Protein backbone atom coordinates (compact mmCIF):
# COMPACT_ATOMS: atom_id res chain seq x y z
CA UNK A 1 100.63 198.35 152.73
CA UNK A 2 100.45 196.01 149.68
CA UNK A 3 98.10 193.56 149.04
CA UNK A 4 98.89 190.82 146.74
CA UNK A 5 95.77 189.97 144.45
CA UNK A 6 97.04 187.38 142.50
CA UNK A 7 95.90 184.31 144.81
CA UNK A 8 99.18 182.48 145.17
CA UNK A 9 99.03 181.68 141.16
CA UNK A 10 102.26 183.00 140.09
CA UNK A 11 104.25 181.00 142.59
CA UNK A 12 102.34 178.03 141.95
CA UNK A 13 102.95 177.96 137.92
CA UNK A 14 106.63 177.00 138.14
CA UNK A 15 106.05 174.06 140.09
CA UNK A 16 103.17 172.92 137.80
CA UNK A 17 105.22 173.33 134.55
CA UNK A 18 108.01 171.27 135.91
CA UNK A 19 105.73 168.41 136.56
CA UNK A 20 104.01 168.56 133.28
CA UNK A 21 107.79 168.23 132.04
CA UNK A 22 108.31 164.49 133.57
CA UNK A 23 105.74 163.08 131.90
CA UNK A 24 106.91 164.07 128.51
CA UNK A 25 109.83 162.80 129.27
CA UNK A 26 109.08 159.44 130.42
CA UNK A 27 107.18 159.08 127.80
CA UNK A 28 110.33 159.80 125.58
CA UNK A 29 112.27 157.45 127.38
CA UNK A 30 109.16 154.63 127.22
CA UNK A 31 109.36 154.88 123.16
CA UNK A 32 113.36 154.75 123.14
CA UNK A 33 112.97 151.16 125.29
CA UNK A 34 110.16 149.82 123.15
CA UNK A 35 112.64 150.78 120.03
CA UNK A 36 115.34 149.45 121.72
CA UNK A 37 114.07 146.00 122.02
CA UNK A 38 112.30 146.09 118.43
CA UNK A 39 116.01 146.30 117.58
CA UNK A 40 117.43 144.10 119.54
CA UNK A 41 115.31 141.13 118.67
CA UNK A 42 115.28 142.04 114.77
CA UNK A 43 119.29 141.91 115.19
CA UNK A 44 119.10 138.55 116.98
CA UNK A 45 117.00 137.17 114.66
CA UNK A 46 119.25 137.96 111.75
CA UNK A 47 122.04 136.58 114.02
CA UNK A 48 120.19 133.24 114.08
CA UNK A 49 119.25 133.11 110.45
CA UNK A 50 123.00 133.91 109.48
CA UNK A 51 124.28 131.44 112.09
CA UNK A 52 122.27 128.79 110.85
CA UNK A 53 123.11 129.49 107.34
CA UNK A 54 126.85 128.78 108.17
CA UNK A 55 126.34 125.78 109.72
CA UNK A 56 124.48 124.70 107.13
CA UNK A 57 127.59 125.50 104.96
CA UNK A 58 129.70 123.78 106.90
CA UNK A 59 130.84 120.20 105.19
CA UNK A 60 130.65 118.49 108.45
CA UNK A 61 126.84 119.75 109.11
CA UNK A 62 125.80 118.75 105.67
CA UNK A 63 127.58 115.27 105.97
CA UNK A 64 125.84 114.69 109.49
CA UNK A 65 122.31 115.37 107.40
CA UNK A 66 123.24 113.26 104.85
CA UNK A 67 124.09 110.04 107.20
CA UNK A 68 120.77 111.00 109.41
CA UNK A 69 118.65 111.31 105.79
CA UNK A 70 120.14 108.33 104.33
CA UNK A 71 119.43 106.27 108.44
CA UNK A 72 115.99 107.43 108.06
CA UNK A 73 115.60 106.17 104.71
CA UNK A 74 117.19 102.66 105.39
CA UNK A 75 114.82 102.34 108.40
CA UNK A 76 111.97 103.21 106.44
CA UNK A 77 112.78 100.47 103.51
CA UNK A 78 113.44 97.91 106.38
CA UNK A 79 109.80 98.34 107.34
CA UNK A 80 108.48 98.18 103.64
CA UNK A 81 110.05 95.11 103.62
CA UNK A 82 108.95 93.93 106.40
CA UNK A 83 105.22 94.63 105.33
CA UNK A 84 105.72 93.55 101.85
CA UNK A 85 106.91 89.90 103.36
CA UNK A 86 104.06 89.54 105.46
CA UNK A 87 101.35 90.95 102.54
CA UNK A 88 102.93 87.84 100.64
CA UNK A 89 102.95 85.26 103.25
CA UNK A 90 99.39 86.01 103.88
CA UNK A 91 98.52 85.62 99.99
CA UNK A 92 100.80 82.68 99.95
CA UNK A 93 98.39 81.19 102.63
CA UNK A 94 95.10 82.13 100.86
CA UNK A 95 96.65 80.80 97.41
CA UNK A 96 97.58 77.53 99.10
CA UNK A 97 93.69 77.07 100.60
CA UNK A 98 92.78 76.70 96.66
CA UNK A 99 89.65 77.80 95.22
CA UNK A 100 88.55 79.21 98.89
CA UNK A 101 91.38 81.45 99.76
CA UNK A 102 91.18 82.72 96.43
CA UNK A 103 87.44 83.53 96.74
CA UNK A 104 88.61 85.43 99.61
CA UNK A 105 90.94 87.42 97.85
CA UNK A 106 88.68 88.15 95.06
CA UNK A 107 86.28 89.47 97.89
CA UNK A 108 88.49 91.71 99.30
CA UNK A 109 89.53 93.28 95.93
CA UNK A 110 85.62 93.70 95.03
CA UNK A 111 85.23 95.98 98.24
CA UNK A 112 88.17 98.27 97.48
CA UNK A 113 87.28 98.43 93.76
CA UNK A 114 84.19 99.60 94.58
CA UNK A 115 85.22 101.98 97.73
CA UNK A 116 87.77 103.47 95.01
CA UNK A 117 85.24 103.81 92.25
CA UNK A 118 83.04 105.16 94.79
CA UNK A 119 85.25 107.66 95.82
CA UNK A 120 86.47 109.15 92.54
CA UNK A 121 82.28 109.69 92.14
CA UNK A 122 82.39 111.89 94.87
CA UNK A 123 84.48 114.61 92.49
CA UNK A 124 81.70 115.97 90.62
CA UNK A 125 84.07 118.69 89.32
CA UNK A 126 85.45 115.37 87.19
CA UNK A 127 82.58 114.81 85.35
CA UNK A 128 83.39 118.23 83.60
CA UNK A 129 87.11 118.41 83.56
CA UNK A 130 87.82 114.74 83.06
CA UNK A 131 84.26 113.19 81.73
CA UNK A 132 85.92 109.88 80.93
CA UNK A 133 87.86 109.04 84.23
CA UNK A 134 84.48 109.75 86.02
CA UNK A 135 82.49 107.19 83.60
CA UNK A 136 85.67 104.98 84.71
CA UNK A 137 84.86 105.32 88.22
CA UNK A 138 81.30 103.93 87.40
CA UNK A 139 82.28 101.22 85.80
CA UNK A 140 84.65 100.29 88.69
CA UNK A 141 82.15 101.17 91.03
CA UNK A 142 79.67 98.88 89.71
CA UNK A 143 82.48 96.15 88.65
CA UNK A 144 83.34 96.16 92.25
CA UNK A 145 79.76 95.66 93.43
CA UNK A 146 79.25 92.86 91.03
CA UNK A 147 82.65 91.05 92.61
CA UNK A 148 81.05 91.55 96.22
CA UNK A 149 78.22 89.86 94.86
CA UNK A 150 79.74 86.85 93.24
CA UNK A 151 82.16 86.33 96.27
CA UNK A 152 80.40 86.75 99.01
CA UNK A 153 79.42 84.06 101.83
CA UNK A 154 75.72 84.53 102.46
CA UNK A 155 76.18 81.82 105.42
CA UNK A 156 79.01 83.65 106.90
CA UNK A 157 77.27 86.95 106.63
CA UNK A 158 73.98 85.52 108.31
CA UNK A 159 75.70 84.67 111.08
CA UNK A 160 77.25 88.47 112.15
CA UNK A 161 75.00 91.12 113.95
CA UNK A 162 74.56 94.05 111.75
CA UNK A 163 75.84 92.91 108.22
CA UNK A 164 73.43 89.90 108.83
CA UNK A 165 70.60 91.88 108.34
CA UNK A 166 71.85 92.39 104.62
CA UNK A 167 72.34 88.76 103.80
CA UNK A 168 68.42 88.02 102.21
CA UNK A 169 69.28 91.37 99.88
CA UNK A 170 72.75 89.94 99.41
CA UNK A 171 71.64 86.70 98.29
CA UNK A 172 68.76 87.94 96.36
CA UNK A 173 70.86 90.13 93.75
CA UNK A 174 73.53 87.19 93.56
CA UNK A 175 71.10 84.62 92.39
CA UNK A 176 70.60 87.41 90.27
CA UNK A 177 74.16 87.83 88.43
CA UNK A 178 74.16 84.01 88.86
CA UNK A 179 71.09 84.08 86.42
CA UNK A 180 72.09 86.39 84.30
CA UNK A 181 75.30 86.25 84.08
CA UNK A 182 75.94 82.42 83.84
CA UNK A 183 79.50 82.61 82.69
CA UNK A 184 80.64 84.38 86.36
CA UNK A 185 79.81 81.05 88.60
CA UNK A 186 83.08 79.15 86.19
CA UNK A 187 86.35 80.06 87.55
CA UNK A 188 87.17 80.80 83.86
CA UNK A 189 84.70 83.22 83.63
CA UNK A 190 85.88 84.94 86.64
CA UNK A 191 89.43 85.16 85.66
CA UNK A 192 88.76 86.66 82.92
CA UNK A 193 86.32 89.12 84.25
CA UNK A 194 89.06 90.04 86.94
CA UNK A 195 91.50 90.42 84.32
CA UNK A 196 89.67 92.61 82.29
CA UNK A 197 88.49 95.07 85.36
CA UNK A 198 92.50 95.17 86.03
CA UNK A 199 93.14 95.95 82.69
CA UNK A 200 90.54 98.78 82.72
CA UNK A 201 92.51 100.30 86.02
CA UNK A 202 96.07 99.92 85.34
CA UNK A 203 96.46 101.93 82.21
CA UNK A 204 94.81 105.06 83.59
CA UNK A 205 97.73 106.11 86.23
CA UNK A 206 101.09 104.44 87.63
CA UNK A 207 101.69 104.06 91.37
CA UNK A 208 98.10 105.33 92.48
CA UNK A 209 94.61 103.90 93.64
CA UNK A 210 93.86 102.82 90.23
CA UNK A 211 96.92 101.50 89.46
CA UNK A 212 96.36 99.42 92.50
CA UNK A 213 93.26 98.27 92.52
CA UNK A 214 93.94 97.29 88.72
CA UNK A 215 97.29 94.97 89.35
CA UNK A 216 95.15 93.36 92.24
CA UNK A 217 92.24 92.34 89.76
CA UNK A 218 94.40 91.06 87.42
CA UNK A 219 96.53 89.38 89.65
CA UNK A 220 93.16 87.85 90.91
CA UNK A 221 92.22 87.18 87.15
CA UNK A 222 95.85 85.15 86.52
CA UNK A 223 94.91 82.82 89.64
CA UNK A 224 91.40 81.83 88.59
CA UNK A 225 92.76 81.23 85.04
CA UNK A 226 95.18 79.22 86.21
CA UNK A 227 93.18 77.17 88.74
CA UNK A 228 90.65 76.74 85.38
CA UNK A 229 93.09 75.41 83.54
CA UNK A 230 94.02 72.70 86.67
CA UNK A 231 97.66 74.31 87.37
CA UNK A 232 97.58 75.01 91.37
CA UNK A 233 99.71 78.04 92.09
CA UNK A 234 100.01 76.45 95.74
CA UNK A 235 102.31 73.71 94.22
CA UNK A 236 104.18 76.18 92.66
CA UNK A 237 104.71 78.32 95.41
CA UNK A 238 105.53 74.76 97.73
CA UNK A 239 108.43 73.83 94.96
CA UNK A 240 109.36 77.56 95.22
CA UNK A 241 109.80 77.26 98.96
CA UNK A 242 111.37 73.95 98.74
CA UNK A 243 114.25 75.22 96.57
CA UNK A 244 114.69 78.52 98.11
CA UNK A 245 115.72 76.55 101.22
CA UNK A 246 117.40 73.85 99.58
CA UNK A 247 119.47 76.81 98.26
CA UNK A 248 119.77 78.23 101.98
CA UNK A 249 120.96 74.88 103.32
CA UNK A 250 123.95 74.99 100.30
CA UNK A 251 125.07 78.28 101.47
CA UNK A 252 125.29 77.71 105.10
CA UNK A 253 127.22 74.25 104.50
CA UNK A 254 129.41 76.22 102.28
CA UNK A 255 129.94 79.25 105.14
CA UNK A 256 130.80 76.02 107.54
CA UNK A 257 133.21 74.57 105.49
CA UNK A 258 135.21 77.17 104.89
CA UNK A 259 135.15 78.59 108.39
CA UNK A 260 136.48 75.37 109.58
CA UNK A 261 138.79 75.40 106.45
CA UNK A 262 140.05 78.86 108.20
CA UNK A 263 140.43 76.89 111.88
CA UNK A 264 142.74 74.42 109.93
CA UNK A 265 145.04 76.55 108.30
CA UNK A 266 148.18 76.87 111.15
């Protein structure tokens, strides 16, 4: 009688080997599936890019894009025109109020000038790279502060809750400016001062903050000089409005006459 001393290891070795072969096969299948998905995504992206490029090269699509861009540009121009018209109307309203309205416009211009100059002073690197521009910002800050003190209405400021606390300080330094620069108490002196600030800022760049600030100060200087010589800009604005109204009425009458003549034809 023979005794089996292997302990059954020979019989169980083959299933273990077969079992160990399944994970390897599964891992290989998973890797093949991942490669396939990555290749499919890359191929899909390439196809989408080619389709988009082909669509952009289509004359019909290009015409539609140009028409859409032109429509957007027209809408932007209309909004800009409406904003400009509102700004001009507000400017005319303040100018028609006389020196009091001009003072309000100069006060707003002084605040903006001081703010633009102060923002320029915050750039410390400009003091090394462009020192002249940095000095200009310092001058604009100082001139804007002087304009604020010139045109500030201390009584109106005192009636406000938060800003009213600054009214004694503003009144004190306002009197200092009036005493040390007496020529600024007159319209002619202020006109030359604002024109100087405007020409100083407007020559630095084109269509930038300094240019806009300079243009505004220059406009205020011209208005103050006109009023100092007895020329009221409000009168010229009213005359211009009357002429525009008359021209519009004449155009409407001519259009109505042309329309009636057209109806009278057989």
